[in-house]
């Protein structure tokens, strides 16, 4: 996981275009069910599996029990931080800090 930590303290996003057949990935499945009195119950469950097929941005992942067809950006490599870590710690902001130091040019300047 150290290759996903930046010197600024944020997390570096994985290369979503580097997936290959056989890679192990983590992903979350969200389930919505009607509860009582018109309320909706939402649950999320983390899964891990192995990529079995890549067809453009659709990637087929086999877990121990099921096969899921997921979008390329819905998963992370097994050694990468999960979505909750990105919410908790935050994404790397180095590029944004460099742009703000140089002064970003806008269409309208005063």
PDB file of N, CA and C in Angstrom:
ATOM      1  N   UNK A   1       0.802  -1.206   0.000  1.00  0.00           N
ATOM      2  CA  UNK A   1       0.000   0.000   0.000  1.00  0.00           C
ATOM      3  C   UNK A   1       0.845   1.271   0.000  1.00  0.00           C
ATOM      4  N   UNK A   2       2.156   1.252   0.308  1.00  0.00           N
ATOM      5  CA  UNK A   2       2.930   2.496   0.314  1.00  0.00           C
ATOM      6  C   UNK A   2       2.937   3.225  -1.032  1.00  0.00           C
ATOM      7  N   UNK A   3       2.799   2.515  -2.139  1.00  0.00           N
ATOM      8  CA  UNK A   3       2.819   3.213  -3.425  1.00  0.00           C
ATOM      9  C   UNK A   3       1.547   4.032  -3.656  1.00  0.00           C
ATOM     10  N   UNK A   4       0.567   3.887  -2.797  1.00  0.00           N
ATOM     11  CA  UNK A   4      -0.667   4.660  -2.906  1.00  0.00           C
ATOM     12  C   UNK A   4      -0.703   5.844  -1.945  1.00  0.00           C
ATOM     13  N   UNK A   5       0.354   6.044  -1.156  1.00  0.00           N
ATOM     14  CA  UNK A   5       0.434   7.171  -0.224  1.00  0.00           C
ATOM     15  C   UNK A   5       1.354   8.242  -0.796  1.00  0.00           C
ATOM     16  N   UNK A   6       0.888   9.481  -0.829  1.00  0.00           N
ATOM     17  CA  UNK A   6       1.663  10.610  -1.347  1.00  0.00           C
ATOM     18  C   UNK A   6       2.364  11.317  -0.186  1.00  0.00           C
ATOM     19  N   UNK A   7       3.401  12.075  -0.518  1.00  0.00           N
ATOM     20  CA  UNK A   7       4.129  12.825   0.516  1.00  0.00           C
ATOM     21  C   UNK A   7       3.269  13.923   1.136  1.00  0.00           C
ATOM     22  N   UNK A   8       2.200  14.352   0.426  1.00  0.00           N
ATOM     23  CA  UNK A   8       1.306  15.381   0.961  1.00  0.00           C
ATOM     24  C   UNK A   8       0.347  14.818   2.008  1.00  0.00           C
ATOM     25  N   UNK A   9       0.312  13.495   2.146  1.00  0.00           N
ATOM     26  CA  UNK A   9      -0.569  12.868   3.122  1.00  0.00           C
ATOM     27  C   UNK A   9      -1.829  12.280   2.516  1.00  0.00           C
ATOM     28  N   UNK A  10      -2.092  12.578   1.249  1.00  0.00           N
ATOM     29  CA  UNK A  10      -3.278  12.053   0.585  1.00  0.00           C
ATOM     30  C   UNK A  10      -3.016  10.695  -0.044  1.00  0.00           C
ATOM     31  N   UNK A  11      -4.051  10.139  -0.632  1.00  0.00           N
ATOM     32  CA  UNK A  11      -3.947   8.845  -1.293  1.00  0.00           C
ATOM     33  C   UNK A  11      -3.939   9.030  -2.805  1.00  0.00           C
ATOM     34  N   UNK A  12      -3.072   8.298  -3.480  1.00  0.00           N
ATOM     35  CA  UNK A  12      -2.964   8.345  -4.935  1.00  0.00           C
ATOM     36  C   UNK A  12      -3.932   7.319  -5.511  1.00  0.00           C
ATOM     37  N   UNK A  13      -4.706   7.726  -6.512  1.00  0.00           N
ATOM     38  CA  UNK A  13      -5.644   6.806  -7.149  1.00  0.00           C
ATOM     39  C   UNK A  13      -4.886   5.734  -7.925  1.00  0.00           C
ATOM     40  N   UNK A  14      -5.414   4.509  -7.975  1.00  0.00           N
ATOM     41  CA  UNK A  14      -4.763   3.464  -8.768  1.00  0.00           C
ATOM     42  C   UNK A  14      -4.941   3.732 -10.255  1.00  0.00           C
ATOM     43  N   UNK A  15      -4.126   3.075 -11.069  1.00  0.00           N
ATOM     44  CA  UNK A  15      -4.241   3.178 -12.525  1.00  0.00           C
ATOM     45  C   UNK A  15      -5.338   2.211 -12.967  1.00  0.00           C
ATOM     46  N   UNK A  16      -6.514   2.740 -13.265  1.00  0.00           N
ATOM     47  CA  UNK A  16      -7.656   1.903 -13.607  1.00  0.00           C
ATOM     48  C   UNK A  16      -7.507   1.239 -14.974  1.00  0.00           C
ATOM     49  N   UNK A  17      -6.578   1.707 -15.797  1.00  0.00           N
ATOM     50  CA  UNK A  17      -6.362   1.114 -17.117  1.00  0.00           C
ATOM     51  C   UNK A  17      -5.335  -0.012 -17.090  1.00  0.00           C
ATOM     52  N   UNK A  18      -4.755  -0.305 -15.935  1.00  0.00           N
ATOM     53  CA  UNK A  18      -3.695  -1.310 -15.839  1.00  0.00           C
ATOM     54  C   UNK A  18      -4.217  -2.698 -15.460  1.00  0.00           C
ATOM     55  N   UNK A  19      -5.523  -2.875 -15.346  1.00  0.00           N
ATOM     56  CA  UNK A  19      -6.054  -4.183 -14.972  1.00  0.00           C
ATOM     57  C   UNK A  19      -5.744  -5.215 -16.048  1.00  0.00           C
ATOM     58  N   UNK A  20      -5.421  -6.442 -15.593  1.00  0.00           N
ATOM     59  CA  UNK A  20      -5.176  -7.561 -16.494  1.00  0.00           C
ATOM     60  C   UNK A  20      -5.972  -8.763 -15.995  1.00  0.00           C
ATOM     61  N   UNK A  21      -6.237  -9.699 -16.892  1.00  0.00           N
ATOM     62  CA  UNK A  21      -6.909 -10.931 -16.496  1.00  0.00           C
ATOM     63  C   UNK A  21      -6.026 -11.638 -15.471  1.00  0.00           C
ATOM     64  N   UNK A  22      -6.622 -12.063 -14.376  1.00  0.00           N
ATOM     65  CA  UNK A  22      -5.893 -12.734 -13.302  1.00  0.00           C
ATOM     66  C   UNK A  22      -5.601 -11.837 -12.116  1.00  0.00           C
ATOM     67  N   UNK A  23      -5.750 -10.519 -12.266  1.00  0.00           N
ATOM     68  CA  UNK A  23      -5.513  -9.597 -11.147  1.00  0.00           C
ATOM     69  C   UNK A  23      -6.577  -9.800 -10.065  1.00  0.00           C
ATOM     70  N   UNK A  24      -6.163  -9.649  -8.813  1.00  0.00           N
ATOM     71  CA  UNK A  24      -7.107  -9.693  -7.701  1.00  0.00           C
ATOM     72  C   UNK A  24      -7.559  -8.275  -7.386  1.00  0.00           C
ATOM     73  N   UNK A  25      -8.871  -8.098  -7.199  1.00  0.00           N
ATOM     74  CA  UNK A  25      -9.441  -6.772  -6.971  1.00  0.00           C
ATOM     75  C   UNK A  25     -10.429  -6.809  -5.808  1.00  0.00           C
ATOM     76  N   UNK A  26     -10.682  -5.630  -5.251  1.00  0.00           N
ATOM     77  CA  UNK A  26     -11.703  -5.428  -4.218  1.00  0.00           C
ATOM     78  C   UNK A  26     -12.812  -4.574  -4.813  1.00  0.00           C
ATOM     79  N   UNK A  27     -14.042  -4.824  -4.397  1.00  0.00           N
ATOM     80  CA  UNK A  27     -15.170  -4.010  -4.850  1.00  0.00           C
ATOM     81  C   UNK A  27     -16.290  -4.125  -3.832  1.00  0.00           C
ATOM     82  N   UNK A  28     -17.265  -3.228  -3.951  1.00  0.00           N
ATOM     83  CA  UNK A  28     -18.408  -3.230  -3.036  1.00  0.00           C
ATOM     84  C   UNK A  28     -19.689  -3.399  -3.841  1.00  0.00           C
ATOM     85  N   UNK A  29     -20.625  -4.142  -3.282  1.00  0.00           N
ATOM     86  CA  UNK A  29     -21.941  -4.326  -3.885  1.00  0.00           C
ATOM     87  C   UNK A  29     -22.959  -3.673  -2.961  1.00  0.00           C
ATOM     88  N   UNK A  30     -23.791  -2.820  -3.547  1.00  0.00           N
ATOM     89  CA  UNK A  30     -24.831  -2.132  -2.777  1.00  0.00           C
ATOM     90  C   UNK A  30     -26.174  -2.768  -3.095  1.00  0.00           C
ATOM     91  N   UNK A  31     -26.944  -3.028  -2.064  1.00  0.00           N
ATOM     92  CA  UNK A  31     -28.240  -3.670  -2.217  1.00  0.00           C
ATOM     93  C   UNK A  31     -29.308  -2.779  -1.596  1.00  0.00           C
ATOM     94  N   UNK A  32     -30.397  -2.563  -2.335  1.00  0.00           N
ATOM     95  CA  UNK A  32     -31.515  -1.754  -1.831  1.00  0.00           C
ATOM     96  C   UNK A  32     -32.754  -2.628  -1.766  1.00  0.00           C
ATOM     97  N   UNK A  33     -33.425  -2.581  -0.634  1.00  0.00           N
ATOM     98  CA  UNK A  33     -34.640  -3.369  -0.450  1.00  0.00           C
ATOM     99  C   UNK A  33     -35.711  -2.507   0.190  1.00  0.00           C
ATOM    100  N   UNK A  34     -36.943  -2.754  -0.195  1.00  0.00           N
ATOM    101  CA  UNK A  34     -38.055  -2.072   0.448  1.00  0.00           C
ATOM    102  C   UNK A  34     -38.226  -2.606   1.858  1.00  0.00           C
ATOM    103  N   UNK A  35     -38.294  -1.722   2.809  1.00  0.00           N
ATOM    104  CA  UNK A  35     -38.485  -2.124   4.208  1.00  0.00           C
ATOM    105  C   UNK A  35     -39.951  -1.890   4.559  1.00  0.00           C
ATOM    106  N   UNK A  36     -40.224  -1.417   5.713  1.00  0.00           N
ATOM    107  CA  UNK A  36     -41.595  -1.183   6.145  1.00  0.00           C
ATOM    108  C   UNK A  36     -41.942   0.299   6.054  1.00  0.00           C
ATOM    109  N   UNK A  37     -43.213   0.621   5.927  1.00  0.00           N
ATOM    110  CA  UNK A  37     -43.753   1.980   5.876  1.00  0.00           C
ATOM    111  C   UNK A  37     -43.088   2.831   4.795  1.00  0.00           C
ATOM    112  N   UNK A  38     -42.809   2.243   3.655  1.00  0.00           N
ATOM    113  CA  UNK A  38     -42.251   2.993   2.532  1.00  0.00           C
ATOM    114  C   UNK A  38     -40.778   3.323   2.648  1.00  0.00           C
ATOM    115  N   UNK A  39     -40.106   2.795   3.642  1.00  0.00           N
ATOM    116  CA  UNK A  39     -38.682   3.072   3.813  1.00  0.00           C
ATOM    117  C   UNK A  39     -37.858   2.098   2.981  1.00  0.00           C
ATOM    118  N   UNK A  40     -36.667   2.517   2.613  1.00  0.00           N
ATOM    119  CA  UNK A  40     -35.765   1.680   1.826  1.00  0.00           C
ATOM    120  C   UNK A  40     -34.542   1.358   2.671  1.00  0.00           C
ATOM    121  N   UNK A  41     -34.187   0.096   2.699  1.00  0.00           N
ATOM    122  CA  UNK A  41     -33.015  -0.353   3.441  1.00  0.00           C
ATOM    123  C   UNK A  41     -31.858  -0.532   2.454  1.00  0.00           C
ATOM    124  N   UNK A  42     -30.719   0.082   2.754  1.00  0.00           N
ATOM    125  CA  UNK A  42     -29.544   0.003   1.890  1.00  0.00           C
ATOM    126  C   UNK A  42     -28.428  -0.695   2.656  1.00  0.00           C
ATOM    127  N   UNK A  43     -27.818  -1.686   2.015  1.00  0.00           N
ATOM    128  CA  UNK A  43     -26.682  -2.369   2.636  1.00  0.00           C
ATOM    129  C   UNK A  43     -25.544  -2.464   1.624  1.00  0.00           C
ATOM    130  N   UNK A  44     -24.330  -2.402   2.124  1.00  0.00           N
ATOM    131  CA  UNK A  44     -23.146  -2.531   1.280  1.00  0.00           C
ATOM    132  C   UNK A  44     -22.292  -3.655   1.819  1.00  0.00           C
ATOM    133  N   UNK A  45     -21.707  -4.407   0.907  1.00  0.00           N
ATOM    134  CA  UNK A  45     -20.851  -5.511   1.313  1.00  0.00           C
ATOM    135  C   UNK A  45     -19.598  -5.496   0.453  1.00  0.00           C
ATOM    136  N   UNK A  46     -18.455  -5.633   1.104  1.00  0.00           N
ATOM    137  CA  UNK A  46     -17.177  -5.665   0.394  1.00  0.00           C
ATOM    138  C   UNK A  46     -16.900  -7.083  -0.092  1.00  0.00           C
ATOM    139  N   UNK A  47     -16.379  -7.179  -1.307  1.00  0.00           N
ATOM    140  CA  UNK A  47     -16.025  -8.463  -1.909  1.00  0.00           C
ATOM    141  C   UNK A  47     -14.620  -8.360  -2.482  1.00  0.00           C
ATOM    142  N   UNK A  48     -14.007  -9.513  -2.684  1.00  0.00           N
ATOM    143  CA  UNK A  48     -12.772  -9.556  -3.454  1.00  0.00           C
ATOM    144  C   UNK A  48     -12.852 -10.738  -4.402  1.00  0.00           C
ATOM    145  N   UNK A  49     -12.150 -10.612  -5.515  1.00  0.00           N
ATOM    146  CA  UNK A  49     -12.202 -11.661  -6.521  1.00  0.00           C
ATOM    147  C   UNK A  49     -11.083 -11.499  -7.524  1.00  0.00           C
ATOM    148  N   UNK A  50     -11.156 -12.320  -8.567  1.00  0.00           N
ATOM    149  CA  UNK A  50     -10.122 -12.337  -9.597  1.00  0.00           C
ATOM    150  C   UNK A  50     -10.752 -11.991 -10.947  1.00  0.00           C
ATOM    151  N   UNK A  51     -10.085 -11.146 -11.712  1.00  0.00           N
ATOM    152  CA  UNK A  51     -10.581 -10.749 -13.033  1.00  0.00           C
ATOM    153  C   UNK A  51     -10.473 -11.939 -13.980  1.00  0.00           C
ATOM    154  N   UNK A  52     -11.594 -12.270 -14.646  1.00  0.00           N
ATOM    155  CA  UNK A  52     -11.595 -13.381 -15.596  1.00  0.00           C
ATOM    156  C   UNK A  52     -11.730 -12.916 -17.041  1.00  0.00           C
ATOM    157  N   UNK A  53     -12.274 -11.704 -17.248  1.00  0.00           N
ATOM    158  CA  UNK A  53     -12.461 -11.210 -18.615  1.00  0.00           C
ATOM    159  C   UNK A  53     -12.525  -9.688 -18.602  1.00  0.00           C
ATOM    160  N   UNK A  54     -11.930  -9.074 -19.626  1.00  0.00           N
ATOM    161  CA  UNK A  54     -11.994  -7.619 -19.785  1.00  0.00           C
ATOM    162  C   UNK A  54     -12.548  -7.335 -21.171  1.00  0.00           C
ATOM    163  N   UNK A  55     -13.654  -6.582 -21.214  1.00  0.00           N
ATOM    164  CA  UNK A  55     -14.286  -6.218 -22.477  1.00  0.00           C
ATOM    165  C   UNK A  55     -14.537  -4.715 -22.446  1.00  0.00           C
ATOM    166  N   UNK A  56     -13.545  -3.930 -22.861  1.00  0.00           N
ATOM    167  CA  UNK A  56     -13.644  -2.473 -22.785  1.00  0.00           C
ATOM    168  C   UNK A  56     -13.655  -2.036 -21.333  1.00  0.00           C
ATOM    169  N   UNK A  57     -14.705  -1.319 -20.931  1.00  0.00           N
ATOM    170  CA  UNK A  57     -14.824  -0.873 -19.543  1.00  0.00           C
ATOM    171  C   UNK A  57     -15.610  -1.856 -18.677  1.00  0.00           C
ATOM    172  N   UNK A  58     -16.121  -2.937 -19.274  1.00  0.00           N
ATOM    173  CA  UNK A  58     -16.809  -3.968 -18.501  1.00  0.00           C
ATOM    174  C   UNK A  58     -15.808  -5.061 -18.139  1.00  0.00           C
ATOM    175  N   UNK A  59     -15.707  -5.331 -16.852  1.00  0.00           N
ATOM    176  CA  UNK A  59     -14.753  -6.323 -16.361  1.00  0.00           C
ATOM    177  C   UNK A  59     -15.522  -7.385 -15.586  1.00  0.00           C
ATOM    178  N   UNK A  60     -15.275  -8.646 -15.926  1.00  0.00           N
ATOM    179  CA  UNK A  60     -15.916  -9.764 -15.247  1.00  0.00           C
ATOM    180  C   UNK A  60     -15.006 -10.238 -14.122  1.00  0.00           C
ATOM    181  N   UNK A  61     -15.569 -10.315 -12.916  1.00  0.00           N
ATOM    182  CA  UNK A  61     -14.809 -10.705 -11.727  1.00  0.00           C
ATOM    183  C   UNK A  61     -15.474 -11.924 -11.099  1.00  0.00           C
ATOM    184  N   UNK A  62     -14.674 -12.950 -10.808  1.00  0.00           N
ATOM    185  CA  UNK A  62     -15.184 -14.156 -10.156  1.00  0.00           C
ATOM    186  C   UNK A  62     -14.778 -14.146  -8.692  1.00  0.00           C
ATOM    187  N   UNK A  63     -15.787 -14.254  -7.829  1.00  0.00           N
ATOM    188  CA  UNK A  63     -15.531 -14.406  -6.398  1.00  0.00           C
ATOM    189  C   UNK A  63     -15.624 -15.898  -6.077  1.00  0.00           C
ATOM    190  N   UNK A  64     -15.612 -16.243  -4.806  1.00  0.00           N
ATOM    191  CA  UNK A  64     -15.711 -17.661  -4.445  1.00  0.00           C
ATOM    192  C   UNK A  64     -17.022 -18.273  -4.920  1.00  0.00           C
ATOM    193  N   UNK A  65     -18.099 -17.483  -4.907  1.00  0.00           N
ATOM    194  CA  UNK A  65     -19.425 -18.026  -5.179  1.00  0.00           C
ATOM    195  C   UNK A  65     -20.034 -17.517  -6.482  1.00  0.00           C
ATOM    196  N   UNK A  66     -19.862 -16.235  -6.786  1.00  0.00           N
ATOM    197  CA  UNK A  66     -20.564 -15.606  -7.907  1.00  0.00           C
ATOM    198  C   UNK A  66     -19.615 -15.002  -8.919  1.00  0.00           C
ATOM    199  N   UNK A  67     -20.207 -14.626 -10.055  1.00  0.00           N
ATOM    200  CA  UNK A  67     -19.493 -13.886 -11.093  1.00  0.00           C
ATOM    201  C   UNK A  67     -20.203 -12.548 -11.248  1.00  0.00           C
ATOM    202  N   UNK A  68     -19.442 -11.456 -11.184  1.00  0.00           N
ATOM    203  CA  UNK A  68     -19.985 -10.106 -11.304  1.00  0.00           C
ATOM    204  C   UNK A  68     -19.414  -9.443 -12.550  1.00  0.00           C
ATOM    205  N   UNK A  69     -20.240  -8.675 -13.247  1.00  0.00           N
ATOM    206  CA  UNK A  69     -19.774  -7.834 -14.346  1.00  0.00           C
ATOM    207  C   UNK A  69     -19.810  -6.404 -13.824  1.00  0.00           C
ATOM    208  N   UNK A  70     -18.631  -5.787 -13.731  1.00  0.00           N
ATOM    209  CA  UNK A  70     -18.492  -4.478 -13.109  1.00  0.00           C
ATOM    210  C   UNK A  70     -17.883  -3.480 -14.079  1.00  0.00           C
ATOM    211  N   UNK A  71     -18.092  -2.216 -13.789  1.00  0.00           N
ATOM    212  CA  UNK A  71     -17.475  -1.125 -14.523  1.00  0.00           C
ATOM    213  C   UNK A  71     -16.046  -0.954 -14.011  1.00  0.00           C
ATOM    214  N   UNK A  72     -15.137  -0.608 -14.876  1.00  0.00           N
ATOM    215  CA  UNK A  72     -13.702  -0.511 -14.571  1.00  0.00           C
ATOM    216  C   UNK A  72     -13.404   0.312 -13.316  1.00  0.00           C
ATOM    217  N   UNK A  73     -14.160   1.378 -13.080  1.00  0.00           N
ATOM    218  CA  UNK A  73     -13.870   2.295 -11.977  1.00  0.00           C
ATOM    219  C   UNK A  73     -14.583   1.920 -10.681  1.00  0.00           C
ATOM    220  N   UNK A  74     -15.283   0.788 -10.656  1.00  0.00           N
ATOM    221  CA  UNK A  74     -15.987   0.337  -9.450  1.00  0.00           C
ATOM    222  C   UNK A  74     -15.133  -0.571  -8.578  1.00  0.00           C
ATOM    223  N   UNK A  75     -13.886  -0.783  -8.953  1.00  0.00           N
ATOM    224  CA  UNK A  75     -13.027  -1.703  -8.207  1.00  0.00           C
ATOM    225  C   UNK A  75     -11.649  -1.105  -8.021  1.00  0.00           C
ATOM    226  N   UNK A  76     -10.915  -1.657  -7.069  1.00  0.00           N
ATOM    227  CA  UNK A  76      -9.536  -1.236  -6.837  1.00  0.00           C
ATOM    228  C   UNK A  76      -8.668  -2.485  -6.745  1.00  0.00           C
ATOM    229  N   UNK A  77      -7.379  -2.368  -7.074  1.00  0.00           N
ATOM    230  CA  UNK A  77      -6.487  -3.517  -6.900  1.00  0.00           C
ATOM    231  C   UNK A  77      -6.486  -3.971  -5.445  1.00  0.00           C
ATOM    232  N   UNK A  78      -6.187  -5.237  -5.233  1.00  0.00           N
ATOM    233  CA  UNK A  78      -6.271  -5.811  -3.885  1.00  0.00           C
ATOM    234  C   UNK A  78      -5.412  -5.061  -2.877  1.00  0.00           C
ATOM    235  N   UNK A  79      -4.219  -4.599  -3.290  1.00  0.00           N
ATOM    236  CA  UNK A  79      -3.313  -3.931  -2.349  1.00  0.00           C
ATOM    237  C   UNK A  79      -3.615  -2.440  -2.186  1.00  0.00           C
ATOM    238  N   UNK A  80      -4.539  -1.901  -2.978  1.00  0.00           N
ATOM    239  CA  UNK A  80      -4.863  -0.467  -2.917  1.00  0.00           C
ATOM    240  C   UNK A  80      -5.869  -0.184  -1.798  1.00  0.00           C
ATOM    241  N   UNK A  81      -5.896   1.056  -1.308  1.00  0.00           N
ATOM    242  CA  UNK A  81      -6.913   1.437  -0.322  1.00  0.00           C
ATOM    243  C   UNK A  81      -8.312   1.345  -0.929  1.00  0.00           C
ATOM    244  N   UNK A  82      -9.296   1.126  -0.107  1.00  0.00           N
ATOM    245  CA  UNK A  82     -10.669   1.037  -0.575  1.00  0.00           C
ATOM    246  C   UNK A  82     -11.337   2.398  -0.622  1.00  0.00           C
ATOM    247  N   UNK A  83     -12.573   2.454  -1.128  1.00  0.00           N
ATOM    248  CA  UNK A  83     -13.290   3.728  -1.236  1.00  0.00           C
ATOM    249  C   UNK A  83     -13.459   4.445   0.102  1.00  0.00           C
ATOM    250  N   UNK A  84     -13.651   3.699   1.174  1.00  0.00           N
ATOM    251  CA  UNK A  84     -13.832   4.321   2.491  1.00  0.00           C
ATOM    252  C   UNK A  84     -12.562   5.046   2.914  1.00  0.00           C
ATOM    253  N   UNK A  85     -11.391   4.478   2.590  1.00  0.00           N
ATOM    254  CA  UNK A  85     -10.120   5.128   2.923  1.00  0.00           C
ATOM    255  C   UNK A  85      -9.971   6.455   2.182  1.00  0.00           C
ATOM    256  N   UNK A  86     -10.419   6.505   0.924  1.00  0.00           N
ATOM    257  CA  UNK A  86     -10.333   7.757   0.168  1.00  0.00           C
ATOM    258  C   UNK A  86     -11.242   8.819   0.777  1.00  0.00           C
ATOM    259  N   UNK A  87     -12.414   8.423   1.293  1.00  0.00           N
ATOM    260  CA  UNK A  87     -13.293   9.379   1.973  1.00  0.00           C
ATOM    261  C   UNK A  87     -12.679   9.836   3.289  1.00  0.00           C
ATOM    262  N   UNK A  88     -12.077   8.913   4.021  1.00  0.00           N
ATOM    263  CA  UNK A  88     -11.544   9.202   5.348  1.00  0.00           C
ATOM    264  C   UNK A  88     -10.259  10.024   5.283  1.00  0.00           C
ATOM    265  N   UNK A  89      -9.315   9.630   4.418  1.00  0.00           N
ATOM    266  CA  UNK A  89      -8.001  10.278   4.354  1.00  0.00           C
ATOM    267  C   UNK A  89      -7.968  11.396   3.313  1.00  0.00           C
ATOM    268  N   UNK A  90      -8.573  11.156   2.169  1.00  0.00           N
ATOM    269  CA  UNK A  90      -8.590  12.155   1.104  1.00  0.00           C
ATOM    270  C   UNK A  90      -7.628  11.809  -0.018  1.00  0.00           C
ATOM    271  N   UNK A  91      -7.911  12.368  -1.161  1.00  0.00           N
ATOM    272  CA  UNK A  91      -7.114  12.126  -2.363  1.00  0.00           C
ATOM    273  C   UNK A  91      -5.925  13.077  -2.406  1.00  0.00           C
ATOM    274  N   UNK A  92      -4.859  12.678  -3.077  1.00  0.00           N
ATOM    275  CA  UNK A  92      -3.664  13.506  -3.245  1.00  0.00           C
ATOM    276  C   UNK A  92      -4.043  14.825  -3.918  1.00  0.00           C
ATOM    277  N   UNK A  93      -3.516  15.936  -3.380  1.00  0.00           N
ATOM    278  CA  UNK A  93      -3.839  17.261  -3.909  1.00  0.00           C
ATOM    279  C   UNK A  93      -2.607  17.977  -4.452  1.00  0.00           C
ATOM    280  N   UNK A  94      -1.517  17.264  -4.660  1.00  0.00           N
ATOM    281  CA  UNK A  94      -0.264  17.897  -5.093  1.00  0.00           C
ATOM    282  C   UNK A  94      -0.432  18.694  -6.388  1.00  0.00           C
ATOM    283  N   UNK A  95      -1.093  18.120  -7.381  1.00  0.00           N
ATOM    284  CA  UNK A  95      -1.269  18.802  -8.667  1.00  0.00           C
ATOM    285  C   UNK A  95      -2.107  20.067  -8.496  1.00  0.00           C
ATOM    286  N   UNK A  96      -3.141  20.015  -7.667  1.00  0.00           N
ATOM    287  CA  UNK A  96      -3.968  21.200  -7.421  1.00  0.00           C
ATOM    288  C   UNK A  96      -3.175  22.282  -6.699  1.00  0.00           C
ATOM    289  N   UNK A  97      -2.309  21.884  -5.756  1.00  0.00           N
ATOM    290  CA  UNK A  97      -1.483  22.857  -5.042  1.00  0.00           C
ATOM    291  C   UNK A  97      -0.507  23.546  -5.981  1.00  0.00           C
ATOM    292  N   UNK A  98       0.071  22.803  -6.927  1.00  0.00           N
ATOM    293  CA  UNK A  98       1.003  23.388  -7.904  1.00  0.00           C
ATOM    294  C   UNK A  98       0.275  24.397  -8.778  1.00  0.00           C
ATOM    295  N   UNK A  99      -0.942  24.049  -9.215  1.00  0.00           N
ATOM    296  CA  UNK A  99      -1.720  24.971 -10.043  1.00  0.00           C
ATOM    297  C   UNK A  99      -2.054  26.245  -9.280  1.00  0.00           C
ATOM    298  N   UNK A 100      -2.396  26.136  -8.018  1.00  0.00           N
ATOM    299  CA  UNK A 100      -2.762  27.331  -7.254  1.00  0.00           C
ATOM    300  C   UNK A 100      -1.543  28.211  -6.983  1.00  0.00           C
ATOM    301  N   UNK A 101      -0.352  27.631  -6.860  1.00  0.00           N
ATOM    302  CA  UNK A 101       0.861  28.423  -6.657  1.00  0.00           C
ATOM    303  C   UNK A 101       1.225  29.204  -7.917  1.00  0.00           C
ATOM    304  N   UNK A 102       1.019  28.596  -9.088  1.00  0.00           N
ATOM    305  CA  UNK A 102       1.325  29.274 -10.349  1.00  0.00           C
ATOM    306  C   UNK A 102       0.270  30.309 -10.699  1.00  0.00           C
ATOM    307  N   UNK A 103      -0.886  30.187 -10.146  1.00  0.00           N
ATOM    308  CA  UNK A 103      -1.982  31.096 -10.475  1.00  0.00           C
ATOM    309  C   UNK A 103      -2.727  30.564 -11.679  1.00  0.00           C
ATOM    310  N   UNK A 104      -3.888  30.063 -11.445  1.00  0.00           N
ATOM    311  CA  UNK A 104      -4.678  29.477 -12.515  1.00  0.00           C
ATOM    312  C   UNK A 104      -5.291  30.587 -13.350  1.00  0.00           C
ATOM    313  N   UNK A 105      -5.200  30.486 -14.661  1.00  0.00           N
ATOM    314  CA  UNK A 105      -5.754  31.497 -15.562  1.00  0.00           C
ATOM    315  C   UNK A 105      -7.216  31.168 -15.838  1.00  0.00           C
ATOM    316  N   UNK A 106      -8.055  32.146 -15.626  1.00  0.00           N
ATOM    317  CA  UNK A 106      -9.483  31.997 -15.866  1.00  0.00           C
ATOM    318  C   UNK A 106      -9.862  32.783 -17.113  1.00  0.00           C
ATOM    319  N   UNK A 107     -11.029  32.506 -17.639  1.00  0.00           N
ATOM    320  CA  UNK A 107     -11.494  33.195 -18.835  1.00  0.00           C
ATOM    321  C   UNK A 107     -11.735  34.676 -18.558  1.00  0.00           C
ATOM    322  N   UNK A 108     -12.189  34.998 -17.362  1.00  0.00           N
ATOM    323  CA  UNK A 108     -12.455  36.388 -17.011  1.00  0.00           C
ATOM    324  C   UNK A 108     -11.480  36.790 -15.910  1.00  0.00           C
ATOM    325  N   UNK A 109     -10.673  37.801 -16.189  1.00  0.00           N
ATOM    326  CA  UNK A 109      -9.735  38.294 -15.187  1.00  0.00           C
ATOM    327  C   UNK A 109      -9.996  39.769 -14.945  1.00  0.00           C
ATOM    328  N   UNK A 110      -9.827  40.203 -13.714  1.00  0.00           N
ATOM    329  CA  UNK A 110     -10.056  41.619 -13.413  1.00  0.00           C
ATOM    330  C   UNK A 110      -8.758  42.366 -13.295  1.00  0.00           C
TER     331      UNK A 110
END
